N, C-alpha and C. Protein backbone atom coordinates (compact mmCIF):
# COMPACT_ATOMS: atom_id res chain seq x y z
N MET A 1 85.28 51.40 80.86
CA MET A 1 85.10 51.22 82.43
C MET A 1 86.44 51.79 83.14
N ALA A 2 86.17 52.58 84.08
CA ALA A 2 86.96 53.04 84.91
C ALA A 2 87.95 51.93 85.23
N LYS A 3 89.43 52.31 85.26
CA LYS A 3 90.34 51.56 85.97
C LYS A 3 90.36 51.75 87.19
N ASP A 4 90.88 50.78 88.20
CA ASP A 4 91.08 50.93 89.54
C ASP A 4 92.46 51.65 89.61
N PRO A 5 92.21 52.51 90.96
CA PRO A 5 93.71 53.25 90.98
C PRO A 5 94.81 52.37 91.20
N PRO A 6 95.97 53.00 91.23
CA PRO A 6 96.89 51.86 91.47
C PRO A 6 97.42 51.61 92.67
N ALA A 7 97.81 50.80 93.30
CA ALA A 7 98.10 50.27 94.76
C ALA A 7 99.14 51.34 95.06
N PRO A 8 98.86 51.95 96.35
CA PRO A 8 100.08 52.70 96.83
C PRO A 8 101.32 51.85 97.17
N ALA A 9 102.37 52.73 96.87
CA ALA A 9 103.60 51.92 96.60
C ALA A 9 104.36 51.52 98.52
N THR A 10 104.76 50.61 98.70
CA THR A 10 105.09 50.12 99.94
C THR A 10 106.52 49.76 100.04
N ASP A 11 107.24 50.26 98.88
CA ASP A 11 108.72 49.77 98.65
C ASP A 11 109.82 50.90 99.29
N GLY A 12 109.29 51.93 100.17
CA GLY A 12 109.94 53.03 100.71
C GLY A 12 110.24 54.10 99.81
N THR A 13 109.55 54.16 98.43
CA THR A 13 109.91 55.16 97.52
C THR A 13 108.95 56.13 97.92
N PRO A 14 109.25 57.68 97.45
CA PRO A 14 108.35 59.05 97.94
C PRO A 14 107.09 58.64 97.69
N GLY A 15 106.35 57.64 96.62
CA GLY A 15 105.12 57.55 96.58
C GLY A 15 104.75 56.75 97.57
N ASP A 16 105.08 56.33 98.57
CA ASP A 16 104.47 55.58 99.42
C ASP A 16 103.87 56.00 100.54
N ARG A 17 102.52 55.96 100.59
CA ARG A 17 101.52 56.54 101.45
C ARG A 17 100.97 55.64 102.29
N SER A 18 101.40 54.37 102.52
CA SER A 18 100.58 53.19 103.13
C SER A 18 100.96 53.20 104.80
N GLY A 19 102.28 53.84 105.18
CA GLY A 19 102.46 53.79 106.41
C GLY A 19 103.26 52.63 106.81
N ALA A 20 103.12 51.48 105.84
CA ALA A 20 104.03 50.35 105.99
C ALA A 20 105.49 50.42 105.79
N GLY A 21 105.86 50.99 105.18
CA GLY A 21 107.30 51.28 104.84
C GLY A 21 107.70 52.35 105.60
N VAL A 22 109.38 52.62 105.06
CA VAL A 22 109.99 53.96 105.60
C VAL A 22 110.45 54.61 104.35
N THR A 23 109.97 55.68 104.44
CA THR A 23 110.65 56.50 103.14
C THR A 23 112.06 57.05 103.54
N ARG A 24 112.73 57.35 102.27
CA ARG A 24 114.07 57.94 102.51
C ARG A 24 113.74 59.15 103.19
N ARG A 25 113.05 60.13 102.82
CA ARG A 25 112.92 61.28 103.44
C ARG A 25 112.53 61.37 105.11
N SER A 26 111.67 60.41 105.43
CA SER A 26 111.35 60.44 106.60
C SER A 26 112.59 59.81 107.58
N PHE A 27 113.35 58.87 106.83
CA PHE A 27 114.57 58.08 107.43
C PHE A 27 115.65 59.16 107.72
N ILE A 28 115.59 60.17 106.86
CA ILE A 28 116.79 61.07 106.69
C ILE A 28 116.02 62.07 107.79
N GLN A 29 114.95 62.58 107.92
CA GLN A 29 114.38 63.50 108.77
C GLN A 29 114.81 62.73 110.08
N THR A 30 114.48 61.95 110.55
CA THR A 30 114.29 61.40 111.81
C THR A 30 115.48 61.08 112.40
N ALA A 31 116.65 60.33 111.36
CA ALA A 31 118.02 60.25 111.47
C ALA A 31 118.70 62.01 112.10
N GLY A 32 118.23 62.92 111.57
CA GLY A 32 118.95 64.05 111.76
C GLY A 32 118.35 64.50 112.99
N LEU A 33 117.16 64.55 113.48
CA LEU A 33 116.37 64.88 114.81
C LEU A 33 117.34 63.73 115.90
N SER A 34 117.38 62.94 115.43
CA SER A 34 118.27 61.79 116.38
C SER A 34 119.48 62.32 117.00
N ALA A 35 120.40 62.70 115.74
CA ALA A 35 121.52 63.12 116.01
C ALA A 35 121.55 64.40 116.83
N ALA A 36 120.81 65.42 116.15
CA ALA A 36 120.58 66.49 117.13
C ALA A 36 120.60 66.54 118.46
N ALA A 37 119.43 65.51 118.98
CA ALA A 37 119.06 65.15 120.30
C ALA A 37 120.04 64.83 120.98
N GLY A 38 120.99 63.65 120.38
CA GLY A 38 122.08 63.11 120.92
C GLY A 38 123.09 64.01 121.21
N ALA A 39 123.25 65.07 120.34
CA ALA A 39 124.47 65.93 120.63
C ALA A 39 124.09 67.08 121.84
N LEU A 40 122.75 67.40 121.68
CA LEU A 40 122.54 68.15 122.98
C LEU A 40 122.39 67.47 124.14
N LYS A 41 121.97 66.27 124.32
CA LYS A 41 122.08 65.44 125.31
C LYS A 41 123.39 65.07 125.79
N SER A 42 124.54 65.13 125.13
CA SER A 42 125.77 64.68 125.42
C SER A 42 126.48 65.88 125.94
N SER A 43 126.11 67.23 125.48
CA SER A 43 126.56 68.58 125.58
C SER A 43 126.34 68.86 127.15
N ALA A 44 124.73 68.40 127.41
CA ALA A 44 124.41 68.92 128.60
C ALA A 44 124.80 67.97 129.95
N HIS A 45 125.23 66.79 129.32
CA HIS A 45 125.70 65.88 130.27
C HIS A 45 127.29 66.05 130.68
N ALA A 46 128.08 66.60 129.57
CA ALA A 46 129.31 67.01 130.01
C ALA A 46 129.27 68.16 130.75
N ALA A 47 128.40 69.15 130.55
CA ALA A 47 128.44 70.56 131.21
C ALA A 47 127.94 70.36 132.92
N SER A 48 127.08 69.09 132.91
CA SER A 48 126.61 68.97 134.25
C SER A 48 127.90 68.22 134.96
N ASP A 49 128.74 67.50 134.34
CA ASP A 49 129.84 66.65 135.02
C ASP A 49 130.95 67.81 135.27
N THR A 50 130.86 68.90 134.56
CA THR A 50 132.13 69.79 134.75
C THR A 50 132.24 70.36 136.34
N PRO A 51 133.32 70.13 136.80
CA PRO A 51 133.66 70.37 138.19
C PRO A 51 133.68 71.83 138.36
N VAL A 52 133.13 72.43 139.26
CA VAL A 52 133.24 73.91 139.69
C VAL A 52 134.69 74.19 140.64
N ASP A 53 135.36 74.81 140.32
CA ASP A 53 136.67 75.13 141.20
C ASP A 53 136.16 75.83 142.30
N ALA A 54 136.44 75.18 143.30
CA ALA A 54 135.87 75.90 144.50
C ALA A 54 136.96 77.12 145.14
N THR A 55 137.90 77.24 144.30
CA THR A 55 139.12 77.84 144.82
C THR A 55 139.05 79.34 143.84
N ASP A 56 137.80 79.26 142.90
CA ASP A 56 137.92 80.47 142.10
C ASP A 56 137.31 81.73 142.96
N ASP A 57 137.62 82.87 142.91
CA ASP A 57 137.42 84.00 143.54
C ASP A 57 136.39 84.95 142.97
N VAL A 58 135.73 84.45 142.39
CA VAL A 58 134.72 85.16 141.40
C VAL A 58 133.43 85.24 141.85
N PRO A 59 133.03 86.43 142.21
CA PRO A 59 131.60 86.47 142.84
C PRO A 59 130.56 86.10 142.25
N ILE A 60 129.57 85.27 142.76
CA ILE A 60 128.25 85.24 142.19
C ILE A 60 127.43 86.41 142.28
N ILE A 61 126.98 86.89 140.94
CA ILE A 61 125.99 87.99 141.45
C ILE A 61 124.60 87.62 140.57
N GLY A 62 123.70 88.04 141.39
CA GLY A 62 122.04 87.80 140.99
C GLY A 62 121.62 86.48 141.36
N PRO A 63 120.40 86.06 141.06
CA PRO A 63 119.73 86.68 140.00
C PRO A 63 119.05 87.54 140.39
N GLY A 64 118.71 88.30 141.45
CA GLY A 64 117.90 89.15 141.93
C GLY A 64 118.97 90.61 141.96
N PRO A 65 118.07 91.91 141.83
CA PRO A 65 118.84 92.88 141.95
C PRO A 65 120.15 92.82 142.97
N VAL A 66 121.09 93.92 142.72
CA VAL A 66 122.34 94.09 143.51
C VAL A 66 122.33 95.29 143.63
N SER A 67 123.27 95.55 144.29
CA SER A 67 123.72 97.13 144.94
C SER A 67 125.03 97.35 144.37
N VAL A 68 125.16 98.33 143.83
CA VAL A 68 126.54 98.58 143.09
C VAL A 68 126.83 100.00 143.47
N THR A 69 128.37 100.17 143.36
CA THR A 69 128.51 101.71 143.76
C THR A 69 129.55 102.17 142.29
N LEU A 70 129.17 103.33 141.54
CA LEU A 70 129.70 103.67 140.57
C LEU A 70 130.20 104.92 140.91
N ARG A 71 131.48 105.30 140.50
CA ARG A 71 132.33 106.45 140.76
C ARG A 71 132.21 107.15 139.46
N VAL A 72 131.42 108.18 139.47
CA VAL A 72 130.91 109.30 138.32
C VAL A 72 130.99 110.44 138.64
N ASN A 73 132.10 111.06 137.67
CA ASN A 73 132.20 112.31 137.56
C ASN A 73 132.78 112.79 138.73
N GLY A 74 133.59 111.71 139.62
CA GLY A 74 134.38 112.03 140.75
C GLY A 74 133.44 111.72 142.20
N LYS A 75 132.59 111.31 141.61
CA LYS A 75 131.65 111.17 143.24
C LYS A 75 131.03 109.55 143.08
N PRO A 76 131.27 108.96 144.25
CA PRO A 76 130.77 107.68 144.59
C PRO A 76 129.15 107.56 144.65
N ILE A 77 128.25 106.72 143.91
CA ILE A 77 127.14 106.86 143.88
C ILE A 77 126.69 105.30 144.03
N THR A 78 125.65 105.13 145.03
CA THR A 78 125.46 103.57 145.01
C THR A 78 123.91 103.56 144.61
N THR A 79 123.38 102.49 143.90
CA THR A 79 122.23 102.31 143.62
C THR A 79 121.92 100.80 143.27
N THR A 80 120.81 100.46 143.12
CA THR A 80 120.56 98.93 143.00
C THR A 80 119.83 98.70 141.75
N VAL A 81 120.62 97.82 141.06
CA VAL A 81 120.24 97.28 139.76
C VAL A 81 120.13 95.96 139.37
N GLU A 82 119.41 95.46 138.50
CA GLU A 82 119.54 94.25 137.89
C GLU A 82 120.78 93.80 137.30
N PRO A 83 121.45 92.39 137.63
CA PRO A 83 122.58 92.17 136.97
C PRO A 83 122.92 92.49 135.76
N ALA A 84 122.01 92.23 134.89
CA ALA A 84 122.11 92.71 133.47
C ALA A 84 121.94 94.09 132.99
N THR A 85 121.65 95.11 133.76
CA THR A 85 121.57 96.33 133.56
C THR A 85 122.59 96.67 132.93
N THR A 86 122.77 97.51 132.00
CA THR A 86 124.00 98.12 131.22
C THR A 86 124.10 99.57 131.95
N LEU A 87 125.51 99.91 131.62
CA LEU A 87 125.93 101.18 132.57
C LEU A 87 125.44 102.37 131.95
N LEU A 88 124.76 102.21 130.65
CA LEU A 88 124.02 103.24 130.06
C LEU A 88 122.89 103.47 130.87
N ASP A 89 121.92 102.45 131.18
CA ASP A 89 120.62 102.65 131.81
C ASP A 89 120.56 102.75 133.36
N ALA A 90 121.94 102.40 133.80
CA ALA A 90 122.21 102.87 135.35
C ALA A 90 122.54 104.37 135.28
N LEU A 91 123.29 104.86 134.33
CA LEU A 91 123.31 106.37 134.43
C LEU A 91 122.12 107.05 133.91
N ARG A 92 121.49 106.77 133.20
CA ARG A 92 120.40 107.39 132.44
C ARG A 92 118.97 107.16 133.49
N ILE A 93 118.73 106.03 134.11
CA ILE A 93 117.60 105.85 134.70
C ILE A 93 117.69 105.83 136.22
N HIS A 94 119.01 105.06 136.70
CA HIS A 94 118.89 105.03 137.94
C HIS A 94 119.62 105.99 138.73
N ILE A 95 120.62 106.83 137.87
CA ILE A 95 121.49 108.09 138.51
C ILE A 95 120.92 109.26 137.99
N GLY A 96 120.00 109.26 136.79
CA GLY A 96 119.70 110.66 136.39
C GLY A 96 120.47 111.56 135.73
N LEU A 97 121.52 110.88 135.08
CA LEU A 97 122.41 111.60 133.95
C LEU A 97 122.19 111.12 132.56
N THR A 98 121.49 112.32 131.79
CA THR A 98 120.76 111.74 130.80
C THR A 98 121.90 112.39 129.45
N GLY A 99 122.89 112.92 129.84
CA GLY A 99 123.90 113.31 128.72
C GLY A 99 124.29 112.05 127.58
N PRO A 100 124.77 110.82 128.13
CA PRO A 100 124.68 109.40 127.36
C PRO A 100 123.56 109.33 126.85
N LYS A 101 123.27 108.83 125.26
CA LYS A 101 122.10 108.93 124.79
C LYS A 101 121.78 107.40 124.36
N GLU A 102 121.06 106.63 124.37
CA GLU A 102 120.51 105.46 124.00
C GLU A 102 120.02 105.72 122.52
N ILE A 103 120.94 105.16 121.53
CA ILE A 103 120.37 105.12 120.21
C ILE A 103 120.39 104.09 119.53
N CYS A 104 121.42 103.59 119.18
CA CYS A 104 121.42 102.18 118.43
C CYS A 104 121.28 100.81 119.51
N ASP A 105 122.07 100.89 120.67
CA ASP A 105 121.75 100.23 121.61
C ASP A 105 122.61 99.11 121.08
N ARG A 106 123.78 99.11 120.48
CA ARG A 106 124.75 98.01 120.12
C ARG A 106 125.88 98.28 119.90
N GLY A 107 126.19 99.69 120.33
CA GLY A 107 127.83 100.08 120.21
C GLY A 107 128.22 100.60 118.92
N ALA A 108 127.25 100.89 118.12
CA ALA A 108 127.59 101.29 116.63
C ALA A 108 127.86 102.42 116.46
N CYS A 109 126.84 103.51 117.27
CA CYS A 109 126.80 104.73 117.06
C CYS A 109 127.74 105.62 117.68
N GLY A 110 127.98 105.36 118.77
CA GLY A 110 128.69 106.42 119.98
C GLY A 110 127.69 107.24 120.75
N GLY A 111 126.75 107.24 120.42
CA GLY A 111 125.87 108.41 121.43
C GLY A 111 125.95 108.07 122.73
N CYS A 112 126.30 106.80 123.39
CA CYS A 112 126.25 106.73 124.65
C CYS A 112 127.84 106.46 125.23
N SER A 113 128.50 107.19 124.61
CA SER A 113 129.85 107.29 124.71
C SER A 113 130.04 107.93 125.97
N VAL A 114 130.98 107.44 126.72
CA VAL A 114 131.53 107.54 128.42
C VAL A 114 132.98 107.48 128.23
N LEU A 115 133.65 108.02 129.30
CA LEU A 115 135.15 107.55 129.46
C LEU A 115 134.91 106.68 130.59
N ALA A 116 135.84 105.88 130.60
CA ALA A 116 136.39 104.81 131.79
C ALA A 116 137.57 104.71 131.93
N ASP A 117 138.16 105.05 133.09
CA ASP A 117 139.50 105.50 133.53
C ASP A 117 140.26 105.87 132.26
N GLY A 118 139.30 107.15 131.61
CA GLY A 118 140.17 107.88 130.51
C GLY A 118 140.02 107.41 129.02
N LEU A 119 139.59 105.95 129.12
CA LEU A 119 139.25 105.52 127.82
C LEU A 119 137.75 105.68 127.35
N LEU A 120 137.68 105.73 126.10
CA LEU A 120 136.36 105.75 125.51
C LEU A 120 135.75 104.65 125.31
N VAL A 121 134.53 104.42 125.60
CA VAL A 121 133.70 103.25 125.78
C VAL A 121 132.23 103.39 125.58
N ALA A 122 131.40 102.56 125.04
CA ALA A 122 130.32 102.63 124.56
C ALA A 122 129.33 102.08 125.82
N SER A 123 128.76 103.00 126.78
CA SER A 123 128.27 102.30 127.89
C SER A 123 127.19 101.41 127.60
N CYS A 124 126.42 101.21 126.42
CA CYS A 124 125.28 100.55 126.33
C CYS A 124 125.99 98.88 126.17
N MET A 125 127.31 98.88 126.22
CA MET A 125 127.95 97.50 125.97
C MET A 125 129.04 97.21 127.19
N MET A 126 128.67 98.00 128.24
CA MET A 126 129.14 97.60 129.36
C MET A 126 128.16 97.27 130.46
N LEU A 127 128.52 96.49 131.46
CA LEU A 127 127.33 96.28 132.40
C LEU A 127 127.79 97.15 133.89
N ALA A 128 126.78 97.43 134.54
CA ALA A 128 126.75 98.45 135.38
C ALA A 128 127.73 97.74 136.47
N VAL A 129 127.48 96.26 136.79
CA VAL A 129 128.14 95.74 137.95
C VAL A 129 129.79 95.44 137.29
N ASP A 130 130.17 95.67 136.21
CA ASP A 130 131.81 95.45 135.88
C ASP A 130 132.27 96.82 135.87
N ALA A 131 131.55 97.96 135.91
CA ALA A 131 131.79 99.54 136.43
C ALA A 131 132.39 99.86 137.31
N GLN A 132 132.27 99.22 138.56
CA GLN A 132 132.52 99.33 139.83
C GLN A 132 133.84 99.99 140.20
N ASP A 133 134.70 99.36 139.59
CA ASP A 133 136.25 99.70 140.07
C ASP A 133 137.09 100.81 139.08
N VAL A 134 136.08 101.59 138.09
CA VAL A 134 136.49 102.63 137.18
C VAL A 134 136.02 103.75 137.44
N GLU A 135 136.62 104.83 137.10
CA GLU A 135 136.31 106.48 137.16
C GLU A 135 135.49 106.58 135.55
N ILE A 136 134.13 106.77 136.16
CA ILE A 136 133.17 107.25 134.87
C ILE A 136 133.17 108.71 134.79
N THR A 137 133.53 109.19 133.42
CA THR A 137 132.97 110.41 133.12
C THR A 137 132.04 110.46 132.09
N THR A 138 131.23 111.54 132.13
CA THR A 138 129.86 111.60 131.13
C THR A 138 130.05 113.13 130.87
N ILE A 139 129.24 113.56 129.91
CA ILE A 139 129.38 114.88 129.38
C ILE A 139 129.05 115.91 130.64
N GLU A 140 128.11 115.57 131.52
CA GLU A 140 127.84 116.31 132.61
C GLU A 140 129.21 116.55 133.62
N GLY A 141 130.21 115.63 133.45
CA GLY A 141 131.44 115.91 134.41
C GLY A 141 132.51 116.66 133.46
N LEU A 142 132.54 117.02 132.48
CA LEU A 142 133.64 117.49 131.79
C LEU A 142 133.70 119.19 132.02
N ALA A 143 132.78 119.97 132.42
CA ALA A 143 132.55 121.23 132.90
C ALA A 143 133.48 121.33 134.22
N ASP A 144 134.06 122.40 134.61
CA ASP A 144 134.53 122.81 136.04
C ASP A 144 133.63 123.86 136.63
N GLY A 145 132.49 123.44 137.42
CA GLY A 145 131.49 124.36 137.61
C GLY A 145 130.95 125.04 136.25
N ASP A 146 130.82 126.39 136.27
CA ASP A 146 130.49 126.79 135.19
C ASP A 146 131.30 127.26 133.83
N ARG A 147 132.51 126.77 134.28
CA ARG A 147 133.74 126.92 133.15
C ARG A 147 133.41 125.49 132.15
N LEU A 148 133.19 125.75 131.02
CA LEU A 148 133.25 124.72 130.32
C LEU A 148 134.55 124.00 129.74
N ASP A 149 134.42 122.87 129.32
CA ASP A 149 135.86 122.24 128.93
C ASP A 149 136.16 123.14 127.43
N PRO A 150 137.52 123.11 126.92
CA PRO A 150 137.72 123.84 125.82
C PRO A 150 136.99 123.19 124.74
N ILE A 151 136.80 121.75 124.57
CA ILE A 151 136.02 121.25 123.49
C ILE A 151 134.78 121.76 123.27
N GLN A 152 133.96 121.57 124.66
CA GLN A 152 132.75 122.16 124.64
C GLN A 152 132.34 123.62 124.18
N GLU A 153 133.47 124.65 124.70
CA GLU A 153 133.25 126.04 124.35
C GLU A 153 133.61 125.84 122.46
N ALA A 154 134.37 125.21 121.97
CA ALA A 154 134.71 125.08 120.51
C ALA A 154 133.70 124.45 119.62
N PHE A 155 132.64 123.64 120.36
CA PHE A 155 131.55 123.05 119.83
C PHE A 155 130.73 124.23 119.72
N ILE A 156 130.37 124.88 120.86
CA ILE A 156 129.46 126.03 120.46
C ILE A 156 130.04 127.26 119.34
N ARG A 157 131.26 127.55 119.25
CA ARG A 157 131.67 128.63 118.44
C ARG A 157 131.67 128.09 117.07
N HIS A 158 131.86 126.75 116.88
CA HIS A 158 131.71 126.43 115.36
C HIS A 158 130.27 125.94 115.05
N ASP A 159 129.17 125.96 115.82
CA ASP A 159 128.14 125.59 115.81
C ASP A 159 127.96 124.00 115.24
N ALA A 160 128.98 123.28 115.88
CA ALA A 160 129.37 121.64 115.47
C ALA A 160 128.11 120.79 115.87
N LEU A 161 126.85 121.31 115.58
CA LEU A 161 125.51 120.44 115.72
C LEU A 161 124.33 121.05 115.34
N GLN A 162 123.53 119.77 115.15
CA GLN A 162 122.12 120.44 114.68
C GLN A 162 121.05 119.93 115.59
N CYS A 163 120.62 118.66 115.41
CA CYS A 163 119.51 118.28 116.34
C CYS A 163 120.25 118.03 117.70
N GLY A 164 121.67 117.68 117.84
CA GLY A 164 122.31 117.90 119.29
C GLY A 164 122.21 116.63 119.88
N TYR A 165 121.81 115.56 119.31
CA TYR A 165 121.36 114.33 120.27
C TYR A 165 122.63 113.28 120.11
N CYS A 166 123.40 113.31 119.07
CA CYS A 166 124.83 112.90 119.14
C CYS A 166 125.76 113.74 120.03
N THR A 167 125.56 114.97 120.12
CA THR A 167 126.48 115.95 120.57
C THR A 167 127.30 115.58 121.79
N PRO A 168 126.70 114.96 122.77
CA PRO A 168 127.44 114.70 124.16
C PRO A 168 128.25 113.43 124.00
N GLY A 169 127.99 112.49 122.96
CA GLY A 169 128.92 111.71 122.87
C GLY A 169 130.19 111.75 122.01
N MET A 170 129.78 112.90 121.04
CA MET A 170 130.81 113.33 120.02
C MET A 170 131.67 114.09 120.72
N ILE A 171 131.32 114.89 121.82
CA ILE A 171 132.00 115.63 122.71
C ILE A 171 133.05 114.80 123.50
N ILE A 172 132.73 113.69 124.10
CA ILE A 172 133.23 112.72 124.88
C ILE A 172 134.34 112.53 124.07
N ALA A 173 134.10 111.78 122.93
CA ALA A 173 135.15 111.01 121.85
C ALA A 173 136.19 112.04 121.83
N ALA A 174 135.57 113.61 121.22
CA ALA A 174 136.64 114.46 120.90
C ALA A 174 137.77 114.32 122.13
N ARG A 175 137.13 114.66 123.54
CA ARG A 175 137.86 114.72 124.49
C ARG A 175 138.80 113.53 124.57
N ALA A 176 138.47 112.29 124.46
CA ALA A 176 139.41 111.05 124.46
C ALA A 176 140.37 111.28 123.40
N LEU A 177 140.14 111.80 122.20
CA LEU A 177 141.13 111.96 121.41
C LEU A 177 141.95 113.04 122.02
N LEU A 178 141.68 113.99 122.27
CA LEU A 178 142.67 115.06 122.42
C LEU A 178 143.50 114.75 123.96
N ASN A 179 143.22 113.87 124.88
CA ASN A 179 143.80 113.52 125.92
C ASN A 179 144.77 112.35 125.40
N ALA A 180 144.70 111.71 124.20
CA ALA A 180 145.47 110.84 123.79
C ALA A 180 146.58 111.63 122.80
N ASN A 181 146.15 112.62 122.14
CA ASN A 181 146.97 113.18 121.27
C ASN A 181 146.48 114.67 121.06
N GLY A 182 147.23 115.56 121.70
CA GLY A 182 146.98 117.06 121.97
C GLY A 182 146.88 117.52 120.62
N LYS A 183 147.32 117.32 119.41
CA LYS A 183 147.69 118.18 118.40
C LYS A 183 147.58 117.25 117.10
N PRO A 184 146.01 116.75 116.92
CA PRO A 184 145.70 115.56 115.97
C PRO A 184 145.54 116.05 114.42
N THR A 185 145.87 115.58 113.64
CA THR A 185 145.84 116.16 112.26
C THR A 185 144.32 115.87 111.90
N LEU A 186 143.94 116.53 110.89
CA LEU A 186 142.57 116.21 110.37
C LEU A 186 141.99 114.77 110.08
N ASP A 187 143.28 113.91 109.49
CA ASP A 187 142.92 112.82 109.32
C ASP A 187 142.93 111.68 110.74
N GLU A 188 143.49 112.06 111.66
CA GLU A 188 143.48 111.57 113.06
C GLU A 188 142.09 111.56 113.63
N ILE A 189 141.86 113.19 113.46
CA ILE A 189 140.44 113.55 113.99
C ILE A 189 139.20 112.69 113.54
N LYS A 190 139.34 112.43 112.14
CA LYS A 190 138.42 111.82 111.63
C LYS A 190 138.49 110.25 111.80
N ALA A 191 139.59 109.63 112.03
CA ALA A 191 139.56 108.31 112.40
C ALA A 191 139.24 108.22 114.03
N GLY A 192 139.58 109.56 114.84
CA GLY A 192 139.32 109.22 116.34
C GLY A 192 137.92 109.22 116.71
N LEU A 193 137.15 109.93 115.64
CA LEU A 193 135.50 110.23 115.56
C LEU A 193 134.77 109.49 115.03
N SER A 194 135.34 108.31 114.01
CA SER A 194 134.89 107.41 113.48
C SER A 194 133.75 106.84 113.82
N GLY A 195 133.97 106.39 115.23
CA GLY A 195 132.73 105.55 115.90
C GLY A 195 131.49 106.32 116.58
N ASN A 196 131.39 107.74 116.09
CA ASN A 196 130.53 108.23 116.65
C ASN A 196 129.71 108.84 115.27
N LEU A 197 128.39 108.79 115.06
CA LEU A 197 127.82 109.11 113.89
C LEU A 197 126.72 110.49 114.00
N CYS A 198 127.15 111.26 113.23
CA CYS A 198 126.47 112.49 113.08
C CYS A 198 125.33 112.39 112.21
N ARG A 199 124.07 111.96 112.23
CA ARG A 199 122.85 111.99 111.52
C ARG A 199 122.53 113.37 110.43
N CYS A 200 123.08 114.61 111.32
CA CYS A 200 122.79 115.52 110.81
C CYS A 200 124.07 115.90 109.96
N ALA A 201 125.07 115.52 109.70
CA ALA A 201 126.08 115.54 108.99
C ALA A 201 126.62 116.91 109.10
N ALA A 202 127.23 117.05 110.35
CA ALA A 202 127.64 118.59 110.82
C ALA A 202 129.23 118.27 110.98
N TYR A 203 129.76 117.42 110.41
CA TYR A 203 131.16 116.79 110.50
C TYR A 203 132.13 118.08 110.20
N PRO A 204 131.95 118.92 109.07
CA PRO A 204 132.96 119.92 108.77
C PRO A 204 133.31 120.83 110.10
N ASN A 205 132.18 121.09 110.79
CA ASN A 205 132.22 121.94 111.72
C ASN A 205 132.60 121.33 113.18
N ILE A 206 132.20 119.88 113.07
CA ILE A 206 132.93 118.98 114.15
C ILE A 206 134.18 119.13 114.32
N PHE A 207 134.78 119.10 113.15
CA PHE A 207 136.24 118.90 112.76
C PHE A 207 137.01 119.92 113.19
N ASN A 208 136.40 121.09 112.74
CA ASN A 208 137.00 122.52 113.07
C ASN A 208 136.79 122.74 114.48
N ALA A 209 135.88 122.32 115.25
CA ALA A 209 135.92 122.30 116.64
C ALA A 209 136.99 121.70 117.36
N VAL A 210 137.27 120.63 116.81
CA VAL A 210 138.35 119.73 117.38
C VAL A 210 139.72 120.41 117.13
N LEU A 211 139.73 120.80 115.75
CA LEU A 211 141.21 121.37 115.49
C LEU A 211 141.38 122.60 116.33
N GLU A 212 140.28 123.51 116.67
CA GLU A 212 140.72 124.80 117.57
C GLU A 212 140.82 124.43 118.94
N ALA A 213 140.05 123.70 119.38
CA ALA A 213 140.13 123.03 120.83
C ALA A 213 141.87 122.72 121.10
N SER A 214 142.39 121.94 119.73
CA SER A 214 143.92 121.60 120.02
C SER A 214 144.63 122.72 119.34
N GLY A 215 144.19 123.92 119.52
CA GLY A 215 145.19 125.25 119.08
C GLY A 215 145.44 125.20 117.77
N GLN A 216 144.85 124.80 117.05
CA GLN A 216 144.82 124.69 115.38
C GLN A 216 143.71 125.50 114.57
N ALA A 217 144.35 126.12 113.70
CA ALA A 217 143.76 126.76 112.92
C ALA A 217 142.66 125.91 112.09
N PRO A 218 141.45 126.46 111.82
CA PRO A 218 140.21 125.47 111.09
C PRO A 218 140.58 125.38 109.70
N ILE A 219 139.66 124.65 109.38
CA ILE A 219 140.03 124.38 107.74
C ILE A 219 138.64 124.93 107.01
N ALA A 220 138.83 124.77 105.91
CA ALA A 220 137.86 124.95 105.03
C ALA A 220 137.11 123.60 104.08
N ASP A 221 135.99 123.71 103.82
CA ASP A 221 135.41 122.66 103.13
C ASP A 221 135.07 122.92 101.59
N ALA A 222 134.19 122.22 100.98
CA ALA A 222 133.79 122.69 99.69
C ALA A 222 133.01 123.91 99.41
N ARG A 223 132.54 124.17 100.73
CA ARG A 223 131.32 125.11 100.52
C ARG A 223 132.23 126.35 100.98
N GLY A 224 133.53 126.38 100.98
CA GLY A 224 134.18 127.30 101.59
C GLY A 224 134.42 127.33 103.34
N PRO A 225 134.89 128.72 103.60
CA PRO A 225 135.74 128.69 104.99
C PRO A 225 134.28 128.24 105.88
N VAL A 226 134.71 127.64 107.04
CA VAL A 226 133.98 127.28 108.11
C VAL A 226 134.43 127.84 109.37
N SER A 227 133.68 128.71 109.85
CA SER A 227 134.13 129.67 111.29
C SER A 227 133.25 129.05 112.27
């Protein structure tokens, strides 16, 4: 004769399915959710009680589009952008300067490099609204009319590129390096360009281009002289 199934546990053990008791698992889960909710509520309450210093001289921008004036390659350019627009998108989409490239979009490859008051920056990591008080130089602004910058000429002579996608940012980084150090050593060149990635691996020719632009003799790599 078949035996009756055992009665469900009601003492709070994991076998309890009656709904009459509280299991250890459900207690821990409920306690955890309650604690998290309480912490969020406390944080929100604290934030709401934080007084705003009326003497702060920081303008509020947005949430809608705003007008910005960027000084790019020596010329002031006014355009309208969303507050979250990066300098890279402002240059490429709103102004039409496509030298800076969007590749990684996280400041890791150097393809979007520009000079901001002479300093090398990743334009994908800078907001356009924050770039209004600095002088921005892109690859389009290095040449003097039809006369190329010496580093641009050196890149051409040494064929320091393949696909060319990283080249504008690489040249800008090289210019920043030479502005700071007129005669860098090979190790200093490698360090100065370390934030710029060339997926075609044209590094030997790139290094030689920078050496020549600084008035130094090219080097040779394992494959022989690079001219």
